[in-house]
Amino acid sequence: MYYILAKPVKSKVISGFIEYGIFYGILITFKIHCGIVISY
């Protein structure tokens, strides 16, 4: 989805958001597996 919306000029910015999203997703998944419920 991000790759479709990404433009050549903003490719580095978009890729940065993707990397942060993956990292954040891994942290959330790890916390869920540890039995920690996160409420926003």
Protein backbone atom coordinates (compact mmCIF):
# COMPACT_ATOMS: atom_id res chain seq x y z
CA MET A 1 0.00 0.00 0.00
CA TYR A 2 2.80 2.37 0.91
CA TYR A 3 4.73 1.34 -2.19
CA ILE A 4 1.77 2.27 -4.40
CA LEU A 5 1.43 5.68 -2.77
CA ALA A 6 5.17 6.29 -2.81
CA LYS A 7 6.64 8.78 -5.27
CA PRO A 8 10.29 8.74 -6.41
CA VAL A 9 10.96 12.02 -4.59
CA LYS A 10 9.57 10.73 -1.30
CA SER A 11 10.86 7.17 -1.67
CA LYS A 12 13.35 7.53 1.20
CA VAL A 13 10.74 9.08 3.50
CA ILE A 14 8.18 6.39 2.68
CA SER A 15 10.74 3.60 3.13
CA GLY A 16 11.62 5.13 6.49
CA PHE A 17 7.98 5.00 7.54
CA ILE A 18 7.78 1.39 6.34
CA GLU A 19 10.86 0.39 8.35
CA TYR A 20 9.47 2.14 11.45
CA GLY A 21 6.09 0.47 10.89
CA ILE A 22 7.68 -2.97 10.67
CA PHE A 23 9.78 -2.33 13.78
CA TYR A 24 6.76 -1.02 15.70
CA GLY A 25 4.67 -3.97 14.50
CA ILE A 26 7.29 -6.42 15.76
CA LEU A 27 7.30 -4.74 19.17
CA ILE A 28 3.50 -4.87 19.39
CA THR A 29 3.46 -8.52 18.30
CA PHE A 30 6.14 -9.36 20.86
CA LYS A 31 4.18 -7.65 23.65
CA ILE A 32 0.98 -9.43 22.62
CA HIS A 33 2.78 -12.79 22.68
CA CYS A 34 4.06 -11.90 26.15
CA GLY A 35 0.47 -11.43 27.29
CA ILE A 36 0.62 -7.65 27.59
CA VAL A 37 -2.59 -5.92 26.52
CA ILE A 38 -2.06 -2.44 25.08
CA SER A 39 -4.98 -0.01 25.19
CA TYR A 40 -4.77 3.27 23.34
